[in-house]
Amino acid sequence: MAQSAYVRPWRCRCDKIRYQDEAAATRVAQSDPDRYGPHFSVYRCPGATCWHITTRGFHPRSLRTRNRIAAYYLARHQAVARWQLVEEMSIDTPSGQRKLGEIIAAFERAGLIRAVSHDVWTAVDRDGLRRIVSVGWDYYQQERAPAVEPAPPLVPPLGLVARLRRWLGRGRPRTPVSSR
C-alpha cells in the first residue's frame, strides 16, 4: 500500500497546528507570507503549552480564561469599571465576582493597572496586559520572575572528611578475647 505524500502536522486538542515555542511559530509565519500575511499574531493555547498562529484575530470570549479576558478589556479601554467587566465576562455568581476581585488585585500588585476610584481601573502597562492576552497569566508571571540561581552544593571541609573516614574505617572497638 502506498503512503500519501501529505503528512498531517501534529495538531493540538483544539485542532490547530501546534508549535513548540513562540519563536518557532513566528519563524513559520514569517517564512510563509503568502499564507499568513504581514498581520499575523502568535499566542499560547489556553490550558496547553503549545503555540498557535492567527491571522483573523479573535473574540475575547474565545480566550477561555478570566485572566486573559480581563487583561484584554483593561488593555483595550481607557478606564474600566467593575460592572463593565462583570457584564463583558458574563459573571453571574458570587464566586465569579470574588475571582474577578482576585484577578484585579493581582494585576494591581504586578503594576499593570491602578485604581482610579473604588471600582474603576485604568491600564498602566498596556504591553504587559497584551502579553497576558497572548500567553496567559501564569506564563507571564514565569517570564517576569527573577532568575533564581541554584544553591551551591554543600561540600564539607576536607579536615572533616578525613576525620570521618578514619572514624568509619576503625569499625567497632575491639574487645580483647579472654583466653580460657
Protein backbone atom coordinates (compact mmCIF):
# COMPACT_ATOMS: atom_id res chain seq x y z
CA MET A 1 0.00 0.00 0.00
CA ALA A 2 1.44 3.38 -0.99
CA GLN A 3 1.66 6.13 1.57
CA SER A 4 0.39 9.59 0.72
CA ALA A 5 2.89 12.38 0.32
CA TYR A 6 0.92 14.65 2.67
CA VAL A 7 1.63 14.19 6.35
CA ARG A 8 -0.85 15.94 8.63
CA PRO A 9 1.03 18.11 11.13
CA TRP A 10 0.73 17.41 14.81
CA ARG A 11 -2.49 19.04 15.98
CA CYS A 12 -3.49 20.47 19.34
CA ARG A 13 -6.65 19.36 21.12
CA CYS A 14 -8.28 22.50 19.69
CA ASP A 15 -7.44 21.10 16.21
CA LYS A 16 -4.94 23.84 15.37
CA ILE A 17 -1.34 23.32 14.30
CA ARG A 18 0.91 23.30 17.36
CA TYR A 19 4.30 24.89 17.63
CA GLN A 20 6.79 24.17 20.38
CA ASP A 21 7.50 27.77 21.32
CA GLU A 22 6.79 31.35 20.35
CA ALA A 23 9.93 31.69 18.25
CA ALA A 24 9.11 28.58 16.17
CA ALA A 25 5.58 29.82 15.43
CA THR A 26 6.89 33.26 14.47
CA ARG A 27 9.55 31.73 12.19
CA VAL A 28 6.94 29.64 10.36
CA ALA A 29 4.60 32.60 9.90
CA GLN A 30 7.41 34.83 8.61
CA SER A 31 8.69 32.13 6.25
CA ASP A 32 5.30 31.81 4.50
CA PRO A 33 3.98 35.37 3.93
CA ASP A 34 1.54 34.20 1.23
CA ARG A 35 -0.31 32.06 3.74
CA TYR A 36 -0.07 34.15 6.91
CA GLY A 37 0.34 37.68 5.53
CA PRO A 38 2.03 40.56 7.34
CA HIS A 39 -0.59 40.90 10.09
CA PHE A 40 -0.34 37.61 11.94
CA SER A 41 -0.11 37.14 15.68
CA VAL A 42 1.19 34.31 17.79
CA TYR A 43 -0.48 33.17 21.01
CA ARG A 44 -0.15 30.45 23.60
CA CYS A 45 -3.00 27.95 23.66
CA PRO A 46 -5.06 28.30 26.86
CA GLY A 47 -4.61 25.26 29.04
CA ALA A 48 -1.74 23.86 26.98
CA THR A 49 1.94 24.51 26.41
CA CYS A 50 1.85 24.86 22.63
CA TRP A 51 1.65 27.99 20.48
CA HIS A 52 -0.60 28.86 17.52
CA ILE A 53 -0.65 31.40 14.69
CA THR A 54 -3.70 33.52 13.94
CA THR A 55 -4.37 35.87 11.05
CA ARG A 56 -8.05 36.64 11.60
CA GLY A 57 -7.89 37.97 15.14
CA PHE A 58 -10.17 36.68 17.86
CA HIS A 59 -13.18 37.37 20.01
CA PRO A 60 -12.35 37.99 23.69
CA ARG A 61 -14.63 35.18 24.84
CA SER A 62 -12.54 32.70 22.87
CA LEU A 63 -9.67 33.37 25.28
CA ARG A 64 -11.16 30.80 27.73
CA THR A 65 -9.61 32.14 30.94
CA ARG A 66 -10.83 35.05 33.05
CA ASN A 67 -7.30 36.42 33.44
CA ARG A 68 -6.90 36.80 29.68
CA ILE A 69 -10.37 38.26 29.15
CA ALA A 70 -9.91 40.81 31.95
CA ALA A 71 -6.46 41.74 30.59
CA TYR A 72 -7.98 42.21 27.12
CA TYR A 73 -10.65 44.64 28.31
CA LEU A 74 -8.27 46.51 30.61
CA ALA A 75 -5.73 46.95 27.79
CA ARG A 76 -8.35 47.96 25.25
CA HIS A 77 -10.28 50.64 27.16
CA GLN A 78 -9.10 53.85 28.78
CA ALA A 79 -10.88 53.08 32.06
CA VAL A 80 -12.92 50.03 33.02
CA ALA A 81 -15.48 49.75 35.80
CA ARG A 82 -16.21 46.55 37.71
CA TRP A 83 -19.75 46.34 36.32
CA GLN A 84 -18.38 46.51 32.75
CA LEU A 85 -16.03 43.58 33.39
CA VAL A 86 -18.82 41.61 35.07
CA GLU A 87 -21.10 42.23 32.09
CA GLU A 88 -18.48 41.53 29.40
CA MET A 89 -17.25 38.37 31.11
CA SER A 90 -20.81 37.14 31.84
CA ILE A 91 -20.10 36.69 35.54
CA ASP A 92 -23.29 35.87 37.41
CA THR A 93 -22.16 34.11 40.59
CA PRO A 94 -20.62 35.43 43.82
CA SER A 95 -17.64 33.11 43.38
CA GLY A 96 -17.07 34.52 39.89
CA GLN A 97 -17.11 38.06 41.24
CA ARG A 98 -14.71 37.05 44.03
CA LYS A 99 -12.36 35.54 41.42
CA LEU A 100 -12.56 38.76 39.39
CA GLY A 101 -11.56 40.70 42.50
CA GLU A 102 -8.55 38.38 42.93
CA ILE A 103 -7.54 38.93 39.30
CA ILE A 104 -7.79 42.71 39.64
CA ALA A 105 -5.77 42.64 42.87
CA ALA A 106 -3.07 40.51 41.22
CA PHE A 107 -2.88 42.89 38.24
CA GLU A 108 -2.57 45.85 40.63
CA ARG A 109 0.22 44.14 42.61
CA ALA A 110 2.06 43.46 39.34
CA GLY A 111 1.83 47.15 38.42
CA LEU A 112 -0.25 46.54 35.30
CA ILE A 113 -3.26 48.64 36.37
CA ARG A 114 -4.12 51.20 39.01
CA ALA A 115 -7.38 52.15 40.66
CA VAL A 116 -8.89 55.46 39.57
CA SER A 117 -11.71 55.12 42.10
CA HIS A 118 -13.13 52.28 44.20
CA ASP A 119 -14.45 50.21 41.27
CA VAL A 120 -12.74 51.79 38.23
CA TRP A 121 -9.28 50.88 36.91
CA THR A 122 -7.01 52.17 34.19
CA ALA A 123 -4.14 50.40 32.47
CA VAL A 124 -0.61 51.40 33.43
CA ASP A 125 1.27 48.78 31.39
CA ARG A 126 -0.78 48.06 28.25
CA ASP A 127 2.04 45.99 26.71
CA GLY A 128 2.09 43.77 29.79
CA LEU A 129 -1.70 43.30 29.59
CA ARG A 130 -1.44 42.47 25.88
CA ARG A 131 1.26 39.94 26.71
CA ILE A 132 -1.11 38.30 29.23
CA VAL A 133 -3.75 38.09 26.49
CA SER A 134 -1.33 36.23 24.22
CA VAL A 135 0.47 33.98 26.73
CA GLY A 136 -1.70 33.80 29.85
CA TRP A 137 -1.17 34.97 33.43
CA ASP A 138 0.89 32.00 34.65
CA TYR A 139 3.36 32.18 31.76
CA TYR A 140 3.57 35.98 32.14
CA GLN A 141 4.49 35.57 35.81
CA GLN A 142 7.16 33.00 34.91
CA GLU A 143 8.65 35.40 32.36
CA ARG A 144 8.78 38.24 34.90
CA ALA A 145 10.07 36.18 37.83
CA PRO A 146 13.67 36.91 38.78
CA ALA A 147 16.10 34.23 37.76
CA VAL A 148 16.91 32.07 40.74
CA GLU A 149 20.41 30.67 40.83
CA PRO A 150 20.68 27.15 42.19
CA ALA A 151 22.23 26.89 45.63
CA PRO A 152 25.83 25.74 45.62
CA PRO A 153 26.28 22.12 46.64
CA LEU A 154 27.13 21.58 50.25
CA VAL A 155 30.74 20.42 50.45
CA PRO A 156 32.09 19.55 53.88
CA PRO A 157 35.56 20.81 54.80
CA LEU A 158 38.40 18.43 53.90
CA GLY A 159 39.53 18.01 57.51
CA LEU A 160 36.06 16.81 58.49
CA VAL A 161 36.02 14.32 55.61
CA ALA A 162 39.39 12.86 56.65
CA ARG A 163 38.33 12.51 60.29
CA LEU A 164 35.04 10.90 59.24
CA ARG A 165 36.87 8.39 57.03
CA ARG A 166 39.27 7.48 59.83
CA TRP A 167 36.38 7.07 62.25
CA LEU A 168 34.40 4.90 59.81
CA GLY A 169 37.49 2.83 58.95
CA ARG A 170 38.02 1.79 62.52
CA GLY A 171 34.83 -0.17 62.79
CA ARG A 172 33.57 -1.21 66.20
CA PRO A 173 36.01 -1.05 69.05
CA ARG A 174 37.52 -4.48 69.61
CA THR A 175 37.38 -6.02 72.99
CA PRO A 176 40.12 -8.42 73.95
CA VAL A 177 39.03 -12.02 73.88
CA SER A 178 39.74 -13.68 77.18
CA SER A 179 41.82 -16.79 76.98
CA ARG A 180 40.46 -19.82 78.83
